[in-house]
N, C-alpha and C. Protein backbone atom coordinates (compact mmCIF):
# COMPACT_ATOMS: atom_id res chain seq x y z
N LEU A 1 10.20 -2.52 -10.94
CA LEU A 1 10.44 -3.88 -10.10
C LEU A 1 9.25 -4.68 -9.73
N ALA A 2 9.01 -5.92 -9.59
CA ALA A 2 7.51 -6.46 -9.67
C ALA A 2 7.96 -7.24 -8.56
N VAL A 3 7.17 -7.40 -7.38
CA VAL A 3 7.26 -8.35 -6.38
C VAL A 3 5.76 -8.71 -6.00
N GLU A 4 5.43 -10.12 -5.71
CA GLU A 4 4.52 -10.29 -5.38
C GLU A 4 3.72 -10.17 -4.08
N ALA A 5 2.44 -9.41 -3.41
CA ALA A 5 2.32 -9.04 -2.50
C ALA A 5 0.95 -9.39 -2.02
N ARG A 6 0.56 -9.35 -0.86
CA ARG A 6 -0.43 -9.97 -0.56
C ARG A 6 -1.21 -8.82 0.20
N VAL A 7 -2.74 -8.71 0.29
CA VAL A 7 -3.34 -7.33 0.82
C VAL A 7 -3.70 -8.37 1.95
N SER A 8 -2.77 -7.50 3.36
CA SER A 8 -3.11 -8.46 4.36
C SER A 8 -4.36 -7.71 5.32
N ALA A 9 -4.37 -6.57 5.06
CA ALA A 9 -5.71 -5.68 5.89
C ALA A 9 -6.20 -4.66 5.03
N LEU A 10 -7.55 -4.57 4.99
CA LEU A 10 -8.17 -3.09 4.60
C LEU A 10 -8.48 -2.65 5.86
N THR A 11 -7.82 -1.42 6.54
CA THR A 11 -7.70 -0.95 7.51
C THR A 11 -9.21 -0.17 7.46
N HIS A 12 -9.24 1.01 6.80
CA HIS A 12 -10.10 1.74 6.74
C HIS A 12 -10.47 2.44 4.97
N THR A 13 -11.76 2.73 4.68
CA THR A 13 -11.82 3.77 3.44
C THR A 13 -11.75 5.18 3.87
N LEU A 14 -11.40 6.33 3.18
CA LEU A 14 -11.39 7.59 3.54
C LEU A 14 -12.25 8.14 2.17
N ASP A 15 -12.51 9.46 2.77
CA ASP A 15 -13.28 10.38 1.90
C ASP A 15 -12.31 10.86 1.06
N PRO A 16 -12.36 10.87 -0.12
CA PRO A 16 -11.32 11.14 -1.46
C PRO A 16 -11.38 13.03 -1.16
N ARG A 17 -11.81 13.37 -0.74
CA ARG A 17 -11.96 14.88 -1.00
C ARG A 17 -11.05 15.77 0.41
N THR A 18 -11.93 15.15 1.86
CA THR A 18 -11.17 15.23 2.88
C THR A 18 -10.01 14.37 3.42
N GLY A 19 -10.30 13.36 3.38
CA GLY A 19 -8.96 12.06 3.44
C GLY A 19 -9.80 12.04 5.16
N ASP A 20 -10.98 12.41 5.72
CA ASP A 20 -11.45 11.52 6.81
C ASP A 20 -11.91 9.93 6.65
N VAL A 21 -11.53 9.59 7.75
CA VAL A 21 -11.89 8.12 8.00
C VAL A 21 -13.59 7.72 7.98
N VAL A 22 -14.25 7.02 6.64
CA VAL A 22 -15.39 6.81 6.50
C VAL A 22 -16.03 5.65 7.27
N LYS A 23 -14.90 4.37 7.06
CA LYS A 23 -15.80 3.61 7.57
C LYS A 23 -14.34 2.34 8.05
N THR A 24 -14.46 1.85 9.08
CA THR A 24 -13.26 1.16 9.45
C THR A 24 -13.21 -0.36 8.97
N ARG A 25 -12.37 -1.07 8.56
CA ARG A 25 -12.23 -2.71 8.55
C ARG A 25 -13.68 -3.14 7.48
N PRO A 26 -13.33 -2.02 6.18
CA PRO A 26 -14.55 -2.43 5.27
C PRO A 26 -14.16 -3.88 4.77
N ARG A 27 -15.23 -4.54 4.25
CA ARG A 27 -14.82 -5.72 3.55
C ARG A 27 -14.74 -6.01 2.17
N CYS A 28 -14.91 -4.74 1.29
CA CYS A 28 -14.18 -5.00 0.19
C CYS A 28 -14.25 -3.29 -0.37
N LEU A 29 -13.45 -3.39 -1.17
CA LEU A 29 -13.57 -1.77 -1.88
C LEU A 29 -13.64 -1.85 -3.54
N THR A 30 -14.44 -0.80 -4.06
CA THR A 30 -14.93 -0.68 -5.29
C THR A 30 -14.31 0.42 -6.20
N ARG A 31 -14.58 0.79 -7.38
CA ARG A 31 -13.65 1.70 -7.89
C ARG A 31 -14.08 3.03 -7.37
N ASN A 32 -12.72 3.36 -7.67
CA ASN A 32 -12.74 4.89 -7.20
C ASN A 32 -12.89 5.19 -5.96
N MET A 33 -13.04 4.34 -4.99
CA MET A 33 -12.46 4.44 -3.60
C MET A 33 -11.12 4.73 -3.03
N SER A 34 -11.25 5.63 -2.03
CA SER A 34 -9.62 5.88 -1.35
C SER A 34 -9.76 5.13 -0.13
N ALA A 35 -8.51 4.32 0.40
CA ALA A 35 -8.33 3.41 1.37
C ALA A 35 -7.03 3.19 1.54
N VAL A 36 -7.03 3.10 3.55
CA VAL A 36 -5.59 2.42 3.89
C VAL A 36 -5.61 1.03 3.86
N VAL A 37 -4.36 0.40 3.20
CA VAL A 37 -4.49 -0.87 2.96
C VAL A 37 -3.22 -1.36 3.22
N GLU A 38 -3.35 -2.54 4.07
CA GLU A 38 -1.95 -3.05 4.78
C GLU A 38 -1.46 -3.97 3.63
N LEU A 39 -0.12 -4.07 3.05
CA LEU A 39 -0.07 -5.01 2.20
C LEU A 39 1.45 -5.84 2.70
N THR A 40 1.66 -7.26 2.57
CA THR A 40 2.80 -7.79 2.78
C THR A 40 3.27 -8.30 1.36
N PRO A 41 4.60 -8.03 1.39
CA PRO A 41 5.23 -8.59 0.03
C PRO A 41 5.81 -10.00 0.57
N SER A 42 5.81 -10.67 -0.81
CA SER A 42 6.54 -12.31 -0.52
C SER A 42 7.88 -12.31 -0.54
N ARG A 43 8.70 -11.05 -0.69
CA ARG A 43 10.02 -11.20 -0.35
C ARG A 43 10.73 -9.67 0.03
N PRO A 44 11.79 -9.27 0.85
CA PRO A 44 12.15 -8.00 0.88
C PRO A 44 12.21 -7.26 -0.04
N MET A 45 11.94 -5.99 -0.26
CA MET A 45 11.52 -5.18 -1.25
C MET A 45 12.03 -3.55 -0.44
N CYS A 46 12.78 -2.88 -1.28
CA CYS A 46 12.86 -1.39 -0.43
C CYS A 46 11.60 -0.38 -1.16
N VAL A 47 11.38 0.26 -0.14
CA VAL A 47 10.40 1.18 -0.17
C VAL A 47 10.50 2.10 0.56
N GLU A 48 9.94 3.27 0.93
CA GLU A 48 10.24 4.54 1.72
C GLU A 48 8.84 5.16 1.80
N ARG A 49 8.80 5.77 3.16
CA ARG A 49 7.51 6.35 3.20
C ARG A 49 7.42 7.67 2.14
N TYR A 50 6.25 8.27 1.30
CA TYR A 50 6.43 8.70 0.64
C TYR A 50 6.68 9.88 0.93
N ALA A 51 6.45 10.31 2.20
CA ALA A 51 6.82 11.80 2.85
C ALA A 51 8.52 12.02 2.56
N ASP A 52 9.13 10.74 2.77
CA ASP A 52 10.28 11.21 2.83
C ASP A 52 11.17 11.14 1.68
N PHE A 53 10.66 9.89 0.63
CA PHE A 53 11.27 10.10 -0.52
C PHE A 53 10.40 9.66 -1.68
N ARG A 54 9.93 10.18 -2.33
CA ARG A 54 8.81 10.61 -2.96
C ARG A 54 8.83 9.17 -4.28
N ALA A 55 10.58 8.91 -4.43
CA ALA A 55 10.36 8.07 -5.81
C ALA A 55 10.52 6.69 -5.16
N LEU A 56 10.55 6.22 -4.31
CA LEU A 56 10.68 5.04 -3.55
C LEU A 56 9.06 4.86 -2.54
N GLY A 57 8.05 5.87 -2.75
CA GLY A 57 7.17 5.77 -2.16
C GLY A 57 5.72 5.55 -2.79
N ARG A 58 5.97 5.20 -4.08
CA ARG A 58 5.01 5.19 -4.71
C ARG A 58 4.50 3.78 -5.04
N LEU A 59 3.50 3.05 -5.71
CA LEU A 59 3.29 1.98 -6.08
C LEU A 59 2.09 1.64 -6.65
N ALA A 60 1.92 0.53 -7.25
CA ALA A 60 1.02 0.21 -8.33
C ALA A 60 0.61 -1.26 -8.08
N LEU A 61 -0.51 -1.77 -7.95
CA LEU A 61 -1.18 -3.03 -7.78
C LEU A 61 -1.60 -3.22 -8.92
N ARG A 62 -0.99 -4.56 -9.38
CA ARG A 62 -1.43 -5.15 -10.86
C ARG A 62 -2.09 -6.74 -10.87
N MET A 63 -2.97 -7.00 -11.52
CA MET A 63 -3.62 -8.48 -11.17
C MET A 63 -4.02 -8.68 -13.09
N GLY A 64 -3.34 -9.76 -13.27
CA GLY A 64 -3.74 -10.24 -14.55
C GLY A 64 -3.38 -8.96 -15.65
N GLY A 65 -2.35 -8.76 -15.53
CA GLY A 65 -1.85 -7.28 -16.27
C GLY A 65 -2.46 -6.05 -16.80
N LYS A 66 -3.32 -5.80 -15.43
CA LYS A 66 -3.98 -4.87 -15.52
C LYS A 66 -3.75 -4.03 -14.17
N THR A 67 -3.70 -2.62 -14.14
CA THR A 67 -3.48 -1.87 -12.77
C THR A 67 -5.14 -2.12 -12.25
N VAL A 68 -4.95 -2.12 -10.74
CA VAL A 68 -6.25 -2.12 -10.33
C VAL A 68 -5.93 -1.55 -9.15
N ALA A 69 -4.72 -0.65 -8.74
CA ALA A 69 -4.89 0.54 -7.43
C ALA A 69 -3.38 0.94 -7.82
N LEU A 70 -3.51 2.33 -7.30
CA LEU A 70 -2.57 3.20 -7.34
C LEU A 70 -2.46 3.61 -6.10
N GLY A 71 -1.25 3.66 -5.40
CA GLY A 71 -0.97 4.52 -3.96
C GLY A 71 0.26 5.08 -3.74
N VAL A 72 0.33 5.14 -2.38
CA VAL A 72 1.42 5.97 -1.95
C VAL A 72 1.79 5.29 -0.35
N VAL A 73 3.13 4.85 -0.19
CA VAL A 73 3.56 4.45 1.31
C VAL A 73 3.43 5.48 2.53
N THR A 74 2.53 4.92 3.06
CA THR A 74 2.55 5.87 4.53
C THR A 74 3.16 5.23 5.56
N GLN A 75 3.09 4.31 5.78
CA GLN A 75 3.78 3.85 7.05
C GLN A 75 4.83 2.69 6.31
N VAL A 76 6.22 2.22 7.21
CA VAL A 76 6.58 0.97 6.74
C VAL A 76 6.78 0.34 7.97
N TRP A 77 6.82 -1.09 8.35
CA TRP A 77 7.36 -2.04 9.43
C TRP A 77 8.31 -2.83 8.94
N SER A 78 9.03 -3.11 9.56
CA SER A 78 10.03 -4.28 9.00
C SER A 78 10.34 -5.12 9.90
N THR A 79 10.13 -6.46 9.20
CA THR A 79 10.48 -7.63 10.29
C THR A 79 11.70 -8.03 10.63
N GLN A 80 12.78 -7.72 9.63
CA GLN A 80 14.14 -7.78 9.80
C GLN A 80 14.66 -6.82 9.69
N GLU A 81 15.76 -6.84 10.27
CA GLU A 81 17.27 -5.78 10.48
C GLU A 81 17.59 -6.03 9.33
N PRO A 82 18.14 -4.71 8.40
CA PRO A 82 19.02 -4.76 7.10
C PRO A 82 20.31 -5.75 7.34
N GLN A 83 20.79 -6.16 6.18
CA GLN A 83 22.24 -7.17 6.53
C GLN A 83 22.97 -6.49 5.42
N ALA A 84 24.06 -6.06 5.85
CA ALA A 84 25.41 -5.72 5.24
C ALA A 84 25.87 -6.87 4.59
N HIS A 85 26.44 -6.59 3.28
CA HIS A 85 27.10 -7.42 2.41
C HIS A 85 28.31 -7.26 1.99
């Protein structure tokens, strides 16, 4: 499933070994950095927290046909209630 998404915020960078917060609100990310990033999809999509459902909790960010980031979903915010069809 391919859905366009916008990086809404770079929340903080993490120490890759311990997971501790290194810096809050970084200006940019470089290669091999770990970070918490807020994404906003262009249309509704089905995701779950990685801790709850591993298959729907993984994601890959691609730009120009190349993978630029891999990650897991740690928190989900819903702006709309699910609609029954």
